[in-house]
Amino acid sequence: MNILIFLGIGLVAGWLAGLLMKGKGFGLVGNLIVGVIGAVAGGMIFDAIGVEAGGLIGSIVVAVVGAVILLFAISMIKKK
């Protein structure tokens, strides 16, 4: 059940990150992948700076931050 929750958070995070980055999303499957990778990256970033975000909303915020950073990095790489 936890993996389904994690995937759901990743999907929401990828979708929100695509909206925040003004259309830089990759469709449903791509957003899920970006969201899941962003959730992991966001968790590492928040751990590194010593910030904890609890609960479902906190998890979504962490995942969205990570996904936005990931989409920004991808957009910078694609420009080169």
PDB file of N, CA and C in Angstrom:
ATOM      1  N   MET A   1       0.820  -1.194   0.000  1.00  0.00           N
ATOM      2  CA  MET A   1       0.000   0.000   0.000  1.00  0.00           C
ATOM      3  C   MET A   1       0.865   1.259   0.000  1.00  0.00           C
ATOM      4  N   ASN A   2       2.005   1.213   0.686  1.00  0.00           N
ATOM      5  CA  ASN A   2       2.887   2.376   0.731  1.00  0.00           C
ATOM      6  C   ASN A   2       3.406   2.757  -0.647  1.00  0.00           C
ATOM      7  N   ILE A   3       3.668   1.768  -1.488  1.00  0.00           N
ATOM      8  CA  ILE A   3       4.178   2.069  -2.827  1.00  0.00           C
ATOM      9  C   ILE A   3       3.109   2.782  -3.646  1.00  0.00           C
ATOM     10  N   LEU A   4       1.845   2.432  -3.453  1.00  0.00           N
ATOM     11  CA  LEU A   4       0.774   3.119  -4.166  1.00  0.00           C
ATOM     12  C   LEU A   4       0.646   4.572  -3.714  1.00  0.00           C
ATOM     13  N   ILE A   5       0.802   4.804  -2.424  1.00  0.00           N
ATOM     14  CA  ILE A   5       0.770   6.168  -1.901  1.00  0.00           C
ATOM     15  C   ILE A   5       1.949   6.958  -2.453  1.00  0.00           C
ATOM     16  N   PHE A   6       3.131   6.340  -2.465  1.00  0.00           N
ATOM     17  CA  PHE A   6       4.334   6.991  -2.994  1.00  0.00           C
ATOM     18  C   PHE A   6       4.148   7.344  -4.465  1.00  0.00           C
ATOM     19  N   LEU A   7       3.590   6.417  -5.250  1.00  0.00           N
ATOM     20  CA  LEU A   7       3.353   6.676  -6.664  1.00  0.00           C
ATOM     21  C   LEU A   7       2.299   7.766  -6.854  1.00  0.00           C
ATOM     22  N   GLY A   8       1.275   7.770  -6.009  1.00  0.00           N
ATOM     23  CA  GLY A   8       0.258   8.819  -6.071  1.00  0.00           C
ATOM     24  C   GLY A   8       0.835  10.187  -5.773  1.00  0.00           C
ATOM     25  N   ILE A   9       1.681  10.259  -4.752  1.00  0.00           N
ATOM     26  CA  ILE A   9       2.355  11.516  -4.422  1.00  0.00           C
ATOM     27  C   ILE A   9       3.255  11.941  -5.580  1.00  0.00           C
ATOM     28  N   GLY A  10       3.961  10.996  -6.170  1.00  0.00           N
ATOM     29  CA  GLY A  10       4.818  11.295  -7.316  1.00  0.00           C
ATOM     30  C   GLY A  10       4.032  11.817  -8.501  1.00  0.00           C
ATOM     31  N   LEU A  11       2.867  11.243  -8.750  1.00  0.00           N
ATOM     32  CA  LEU A  11       2.028  11.686  -9.857  1.00  0.00           C
ATOM     33  C   LEU A  11       1.537  13.109  -9.627  1.00  0.00           C
ATOM     34  N   VAL A  12       1.049  13.373  -8.419  1.00  0.00           N
ATOM     35  CA  VAL A  12       0.582  14.724  -8.087  1.00  0.00           C
ATOM     36  C   VAL A  12       1.742  15.717  -8.154  1.00  0.00           C
ATOM     37  N   ALA A  13       2.882  15.331  -7.610  1.00  0.00           N
ATOM     38  CA  ALA A  13       4.044  16.223  -7.611  1.00  0.00           C
ATOM     39  C   ALA A  13       4.518  16.516  -9.027  1.00  0.00           C
ATOM     40  N   GLY A  14       4.570  15.518  -9.872  1.00  0.00           N
ATOM     41  CA  GLY A  14       4.985  15.717 -11.260  1.00  0.00           C
ATOM     42  C   GLY A  14       4.022  16.621 -12.010  1.00  0.00           C
ATOM     43  N   TRP A  15       2.729  16.434 -11.775  1.00  0.00           N
ATOM     44  CA  TRP A  15       1.718  17.266 -12.413  1.00  0.00           C
ATOM     45  C   TRP A  15       1.839  18.720 -11.938  1.00  0.00           C
ATOM     46  N   LEU A  16       1.952  18.910 -10.620  1.00  0.00           N
ATOM     47  CA  LEU A  16       2.084  20.264 -10.076  1.00  0.00           C
ATOM     48  C   LEU A  16       3.376  20.933 -10.547  1.00  0.00           C
ATOM     49  N   ALA A  17       4.453  20.172 -10.592  1.00  0.00           N
ATOM     50  CA  ALA A  17       5.725  20.729 -11.058  1.00  0.00           C
ATOM     51  C   ALA A  17       5.622  21.138 -12.522  1.00  0.00           C
ATOM     52  N   GLY A  18       4.933  20.340 -13.329  1.00  0.00           N
ATOM     53  CA  GLY A  18       4.717  20.697 -14.736  1.00  0.00           C
ATOM     54  C   GLY A  18       3.936  21.990 -14.866  1.00  0.00           C
ATOM     55  N   LEU A  19       2.930  22.176 -14.002  1.00  0.00           N
ATOM     56  CA  LEU A  19       2.163  23.427 -14.009  1.00  0.00           C
ATOM     57  C   LEU A  19       3.021  24.606 -13.563  1.00  0.00           C
ATOM     58  N   LEU A  20       3.806  24.405 -12.512  1.00  0.00           N
ATOM     59  CA  LEU A  20       4.647  25.482 -11.993  1.00  0.00           C
ATOM     60  C   LEU A  20       5.733  25.896 -12.976  1.00  0.00           C
ATOM     61  N   MET A  21       6.211  24.933 -13.730  1.00  0.00           N
ATOM     62  CA  MET A  21       7.271  25.220 -14.697  1.00  0.00           C
ATOM     63  C   MET A  21       6.691  25.598 -16.059  1.00  0.00           C
ATOM     64  N   LYS A  22       5.421  25.961 -16.103  1.00  0.00           N
ATOM     65  CA  LYS A  22       4.736  26.465 -17.298  1.00  0.00           C
ATOM     66  C   LYS A  22       4.838  25.511 -18.487  1.00  0.00           C
ATOM     67  N   GLY A  23       4.246  24.343 -18.314  1.00  0.00           N
ATOM     68  CA  GLY A  23       4.144  23.415 -19.429  1.00  0.00           C
ATOM     69  C   GLY A  23       5.361  22.578 -19.700  1.00  0.00           C
ATOM     70  N   LYS A  24       6.253  22.452 -18.751  1.00  0.00           N
ATOM     71  CA  LYS A  24       7.447  21.641 -18.959  1.00  0.00           C
ATOM     72  C   LYS A  24       7.212  20.182 -18.563  1.00  0.00           C
ATOM     73  N   GLY A  25       5.954  19.783 -18.418  1.00  0.00           N
ATOM     74  CA  GLY A  25       5.630  18.416 -18.042  1.00  0.00           C
ATOM     75  C   GLY A  25       5.877  17.459 -19.196  1.00  0.00           C
ATOM     76  N   PHE A  26       5.757  16.175 -18.913  1.00  0.00           N
ATOM     77  CA  PHE A  26       6.052  15.145 -19.905  1.00  0.00           C
ATOM     78  C   PHE A  26       4.899  14.173 -20.094  1.00  0.00           C
ATOM     79  N   GLY A  27       3.674  14.594 -19.830  1.00  0.00           N
ATOM     80  CA  GLY A  27       2.542  13.694 -19.933  1.00  0.00           C
ATOM     81  C   GLY A  27       2.378  12.892 -18.654  1.00  0.00           C
ATOM     82  N   LEU A  28       1.386  12.040 -18.623  1.00  0.00           N
ATOM     83  CA  LEU A  28       1.035  11.307 -17.406  1.00  0.00           C
ATOM     84  C   LEU A  28       2.173  10.424 -16.908  1.00  0.00           C
ATOM     85  N   VAL A  29       2.707   9.576 -17.762  1.00  0.00           N
ATOM     86  CA  VAL A  29       3.775   8.660 -17.349  1.00  0.00           C
ATOM     87  C   VAL A  29       5.064   9.436 -17.053  1.00  0.00           C
ATOM     88  N   GLY A  30       5.377  10.396 -17.892  1.00  0.00           N
ATOM     89  CA  GLY A  30       6.574  11.209 -17.668  1.00  0.00           C
ATOM     90  C   GLY A  30       6.483  12.003 -16.379  1.00  0.00           C
ATOM     91  N   ASN A  31       5.301  12.559 -16.093  1.00  0.00           N
ATOM     92  CA  ASN A  31       5.116  13.302 -14.850  1.00  0.00           C
ATOM     93  C   ASN A  31       5.244  12.382 -13.640  1.00  0.00           C
ATOM     94  N   LEU A  32       4.751  11.162 -13.752  1.00  0.00           N
ATOM     95  CA  LEU A  32       4.897  10.199 -12.663  1.00  0.00           C
ATOM     96  C   LEU A  32       6.365   9.923 -12.400  1.00  0.00           C
ATOM     97  N   ILE A  33       7.124   9.709 -13.447  1.00  0.00           N
ATOM     98  CA  ILE A  33       8.555   9.429 -13.295  1.00  0.00           C
ATOM     99  C   ILE A  33       9.282  10.634 -12.711  1.00  0.00           C
ATOM    100  N   VAL A  34       8.997  11.830 -13.261  1.00  0.00           N
ATOM    101  CA  VAL A  34       9.620  13.054 -12.737  1.00  0.00           C
ATOM    102  C   VAL A  34       9.217  13.270 -11.284  1.00  0.00           C
ATOM    103  N   GLY A  35       7.955  13.023 -10.956  1.00  0.00           N
ATOM    104  CA  GLY A  35       7.481  13.206  -9.589  1.00  0.00           C
ATOM    105  C   GLY A  35       8.135  12.248  -8.609  1.00  0.00           C
ATOM    106  N   VAL A  36       8.271  10.990  -9.002  1.00  0.00           N
ATOM    107  CA  VAL A  36       8.893   9.998  -8.119  1.00  0.00           C
ATOM    108  C   VAL A  36      10.372  10.310  -7.926  1.00  0.00           C
ATOM    109  N   ILE A  37      11.070  10.613  -9.014  1.00  0.00           N
ATOM    110  CA  ILE A  37      12.484  10.981  -8.891  1.00  0.00           C
ATOM    111  C   ILE A  37      12.613  12.283  -8.107  1.00  0.00           C
ATOM    112  N   GLY A  38      11.698  13.218  -8.357  1.00  0.00           N
ATOM    113  CA  GLY A  38      11.695  14.475  -7.622  1.00  0.00           C
ATOM    114  C   GLY A  38      11.422  14.280  -6.145  1.00  0.00           C
ATOM    115  N   ALA A  39      10.569  13.312  -5.806  1.00  0.00           N
ATOM    116  CA  ALA A  39      10.290  13.023  -4.396  1.00  0.00           C
ATOM    117  C   ALA A  39      11.548  12.529  -3.692  1.00  0.00           C
ATOM    118  N   VAL A  40      12.279  11.671  -4.352  1.00  0.00           N
ATOM    119  CA  VAL A  40      13.529  11.167  -3.774  1.00  0.00           C
ATOM    120  C   VAL A  40      14.546  12.296  -3.651  1.00  0.00           C
ATOM    121  N   ALA A  41      14.685  13.088  -4.726  1.00  0.00           N
ATOM    122  CA  ALA A  41      15.634  14.203  -4.705  1.00  0.00           C
ATOM    123  C   ALA A  41      15.227  15.243  -3.667  1.00  0.00           C
ATOM    124  N   GLY A  42      13.951  15.559  -3.597  1.00  0.00           N
ATOM    125  CA  GLY A  42      13.462  16.520  -2.616  1.00  0.00           C
ATOM    126  C   GLY A  42      13.701  16.048  -1.195  1.00  0.00           C
ATOM    127  N   GLY A  43      13.500  14.755  -0.959  1.00  0.00           N
ATOM    128  CA  GLY A  43      13.772  14.190   0.364  1.00  0.00           C
ATOM    129  C   GLY A  43      15.229  14.333   0.742  1.00  0.00           C
ATOM    130  N   MET A  44      16.124  14.089  -0.210  1.00  0.00           N
ATOM    131  CA  MET A  44      17.556  14.227   0.070  1.00  0.00           C
ATOM    132  C   MET A  44      17.925  15.691   0.311  1.00  0.00           C
ATOM    133  N   ILE A  45      17.338  16.591  -0.471  1.00  0.00           N
ATOM    134  CA  ILE A  45      17.625  18.019  -0.308  1.00  0.00           C
ATOM    135  C   ILE A  45      17.135  18.500   1.053  1.00  0.00           C
ATOM    136  N   PHE A  46      15.907  18.155   1.401  1.00  0.00           N
ATOM    137  CA  PHE A  46      15.353  18.595   2.686  1.00  0.00           C
ATOM    138  C   PHE A  46      16.122  17.992   3.856  1.00  0.00           C
ATOM    139  N   ASP A  47      16.568  16.742   3.735  1.00  0.00           N
ATOM    140  CA  ASP A  47      17.392  16.128   4.781  1.00  0.00           C
ATOM    141  C   ASP A  47      18.728  16.849   4.914  1.00  0.00           C
ATOM    142  N   ALA A  48      19.309  17.223   3.780  1.00  0.00           N
ATOM    143  CA  ALA A  48      20.618  17.881   3.797  1.00  0.00           C
ATOM    144  C   ALA A  48      20.566  19.250   4.476  1.00  0.00           C
ATOM    145  N   ILE A  49      19.447  19.956   4.315  1.00  0.00           N
ATOM    146  CA  ILE A  49      19.345  21.272   4.946  1.00  0.00           C
ATOM    147  C   ILE A  49      18.676  21.208   6.316  1.00  0.00           C
ATOM    148  N   GLY A  50      18.294  20.007   6.733  1.00  0.00           N
ATOM    149  CA  GLY A  50      17.755  19.812   8.072  1.00  0.00           C
ATOM    150  C   GLY A  50      16.307  20.218   8.253  1.00  0.00           C
ATOM    151  N   VAL A  51      15.513  20.159   7.192  1.00  0.00           N
ATOM    152  CA  VAL A  51      14.104  20.519   7.268  1.00  0.00           C
ATOM    153  C   VAL A  51      13.272  19.247   7.190  1.00  0.00           C
ATOM    154  N   GLU A  52      12.287  19.141   8.086  1.00  0.00           N
ATOM    155  CA  GLU A  52      11.384  17.995   8.066  1.00  0.00           C
ATOM    156  C   GLU A  52       9.998  18.441   7.662  1.00  0.00           C
ATOM    157  N   ALA A  53       9.372  17.678   6.804  1.00  0.00           N
ATOM    158  CA  ALA A  53       7.999  17.950   6.387  1.00  0.00           C
ATOM    159  C   ALA A  53       7.200  16.677   6.634  1.00  0.00           C
ATOM    160  N   GLY A  54       6.240  16.751   7.539  1.00  0.00           N
ATOM    161  CA  GLY A  54       5.480  15.559   7.889  1.00  0.00           C
ATOM    162  C   GLY A  54       4.104  15.542   7.255  1.00  0.00           C
ATOM    163  N   GLY A  55       3.535  14.374   7.222  1.00  0.00           N
ATOM    164  CA  GLY A  55       2.178  14.209   6.706  1.00  0.00           C
ATOM    165  C   GLY A  55       2.120  14.167   5.195  1.00  0.00           C
ATOM    166  N   LEU A  56       0.913  14.029   4.707  1.00  0.00           N
ATOM    167  CA  LEU A  56       0.694  13.921   3.268  1.00  0.00           C
ATOM    168  C   LEU A  56       1.038  15.225   2.553  1.00  0.00           C
ATOM    169  N   ILE A  57       0.580  16.340   3.099  1.00  0.00           N
ATOM    170  CA  ILE A  57       0.849  17.642   2.464  1.00  0.00           C
ATOM    171  C   ILE A  57       2.354  17.926   2.455  1.00  0.00           C
ATOM    172  N   GLY A  58       3.027  17.634   3.550  1.00  0.00           N
ATOM    173  CA  GLY A  58       4.475  17.830   3.603  1.00  0.00           C
ATOM    174  C   GLY A  58       5.196  16.985   2.583  1.00  0.00           C
ATOM    175  N   SER A  59       4.747  15.748   2.407  1.00  0.00           N
ATOM    176  CA  SER A  59       5.356  14.857   1.414  1.00  0.00           C
ATOM    177  C   SER A  59       5.157  15.395   0.007  1.00  0.00           C
ATOM    178  N   ILE A  60       3.974  15.927  -0.251  1.00  0.00           N
ATOM    179  CA  ILE A  60       3.698  16.482  -1.575  1.00  0.00           C
ATOM    180  C   ILE A  60       4.567  17.718  -1.820  1.00  0.00           C
ATOM    181  N   VAL A  61       4.704  18.569  -0.805  1.00  0.00           N
ATOM    182  CA  VAL A  61       5.538  19.766  -0.950  1.00  0.00           C
ATOM    183  C   VAL A  61       6.985  19.384  -1.243  1.00  0.00           C
ATOM    184  N   VAL A  62       7.512  18.435  -0.493  1.00  0.00           N
ATOM    185  CA  VAL A  62       8.890  17.978  -0.710  1.00  0.00           C
ATOM    186  C   VAL A  62       9.045  17.408  -2.118  1.00  0.00           C
ATOM    187  N   ALA A  63       8.084  16.597  -2.541  1.00  0.00           N
ATOM    188  CA  ALA A  63       8.154  15.993  -3.868  1.00  0.00           C
ATOM    189  C   ALA A  63       8.045  17.047  -4.964  1.00  0.00           C
ATOM    190  N   VAL A  64       7.182  18.044  -4.778  1.00  0.00           N
ATOM    191  CA  VAL A  64       7.036  19.096  -5.786  1.00  0.00           C
ATOM    192  C   VAL A  64       8.325  19.914  -5.893  1.00  0.00           C
ATOM    193  N   VAL A  65       8.919  20.254  -4.765  1.00  0.00           N
ATOM    194  CA  VAL A  65      10.173  21.007  -4.792  1.00  0.00           C
ATOM    195  C   VAL A  65      11.239  20.208  -5.548  1.00  0.00           C
ATOM    196  N   GLY A  66      11.359  18.939  -5.239  1.00  0.00           N
ATOM    197  CA  GLY A  66      12.330  18.097  -5.939  1.00  0.00           C
ATOM    198  C   GLY A  66      12.031  17.976  -7.425  1.00  0.00           C
ATOM    199  N   ALA A  67      10.749  17.837  -7.772  1.00  0.00           N
ATOM    200  CA  ALA A  67      10.368  17.706  -9.178  1.00  0.00           C
ATOM    201  C   ALA A  67      10.607  19.006  -9.940  1.00  0.00           C
ATOM    202  N   VAL A  68      10.343  20.155  -9.309  1.00  0.00           N
ATOM    203  CA  VAL A  68      10.602  21.439  -9.964  1.00  0.00           C
ATOM    204  C   VAL A  68      12.104  21.599 -10.218  1.00  0.00           C
ATOM    205  N   ILE A  69      12.911  21.241  -9.236  1.00  0.00           N
ATOM    206  CA  ILE A  69      14.372  21.315  -9.420  1.00  0.00           C
ATOM    207  C   ILE A  69      14.809  20.382 -10.546  1.00  0.00           C
ATOM    208  N   LEU A  70      14.231  19.194 -10.589  1.00  0.00           N
ATOM    209  CA  LEU A  70      14.564  18.232 -11.644  1.00  0.00           C
ATOM    210  C   LEU A  70      14.147  18.762 -13.013  1.00  0.00           C
ATOM    211  N   LEU A  71      12.937  19.315 -13.124  1.00  0.00           N
ATOM    212  CA  LEU A  71      12.493  19.868 -14.400  1.00  0.00           C
ATOM    213  C   LEU A  71      13.357  21.058 -14.826  1.00  0.00           C
ATOM    214  N   PHE A  72      13.765  21.867 -13.875  1.00  0.00           N
ATOM    215  CA  PHE A  72      14.659  22.990 -14.186  1.00  0.00           C
ATOM    216  C   PHE A  72      15.988  22.467 -14.732  1.00  0.00           C
ATOM    217  N   ALA A  73      16.541  21.449 -14.082  1.00  0.00           N
ATOM    218  CA  ALA A  73      17.808  20.871 -14.540  1.00  0.00           C
ATOM    219  C   ALA A  73      17.654  20.274 -15.926  1.00  0.00           C
ATOM    220  N   ILE A  74      16.556  19.578 -16.168  1.00  0.00           N
ATOM    221  CA  ILE A  74      16.318  18.990 -17.494  1.00  0.00           C
ATOM    222  C   ILE A  74      16.204  20.073 -18.551  1.00  0.00           C
ATOM    223  N   SER A  75      15.505  21.168 -18.227  1.00  0.00           N
ATOM    224  CA  SER A  75      15.359  22.245 -19.201  1.00  0.00           C
ATOM    225  C   SER A  75      16.689  22.919 -19.509  1.00  0.00           C
ATOM    226  N   MET A  76      17.561  23.000 -18.495  1.00  0.00           N
ATOM    227  CA  MET A  76      18.882  23.586 -18.729  1.00  0.00           C
ATOM    228  C   MET A  76      19.733  22.682 -19.623  1.00  0.00           C
ATOM    229  N   ILE A  77      19.616  21.380 -19.443  1.00  0.00           N
ATOM    230  CA  ILE A  77      20.371  20.427 -20.253  1.00  0.00           C
ATOM    231  C   ILE A  77      19.856  20.429 -21.696  1.00  0.00           C
ATOM    232  N   LYS A  78      18.521  20.524 -21.863  1.00  0.00           N
ATOM    233  CA  LYS A  78      17.941  20.493 -23.204  1.00  0.00           C
ATOM    234  C   LYS A  78      18.289  21.736 -24.013  1.00  0.00           C
ATOM    235  N   LYS A  79      18.579  22.859 -23.343  1.00  0.00           N
ATOM    236  CA  LYS A  79      18.931  24.089 -24.044  1.00  0.00           C
ATOM    237  C   LYS A  79      20.309  24.020 -24.681  1.00  0.00           C
ATOM    238  N   LYS A  80      21.185  23.176 -24.158  1.00  0.00           N
ATOM    239  CA  LYS A  80      22.561  23.109 -24.658  1.00  0.00           C
ATOM    240  C   LYS A  80      22.647  22.385 -25.942  1.00  0.00           C
TER     241      LYS A  80
END
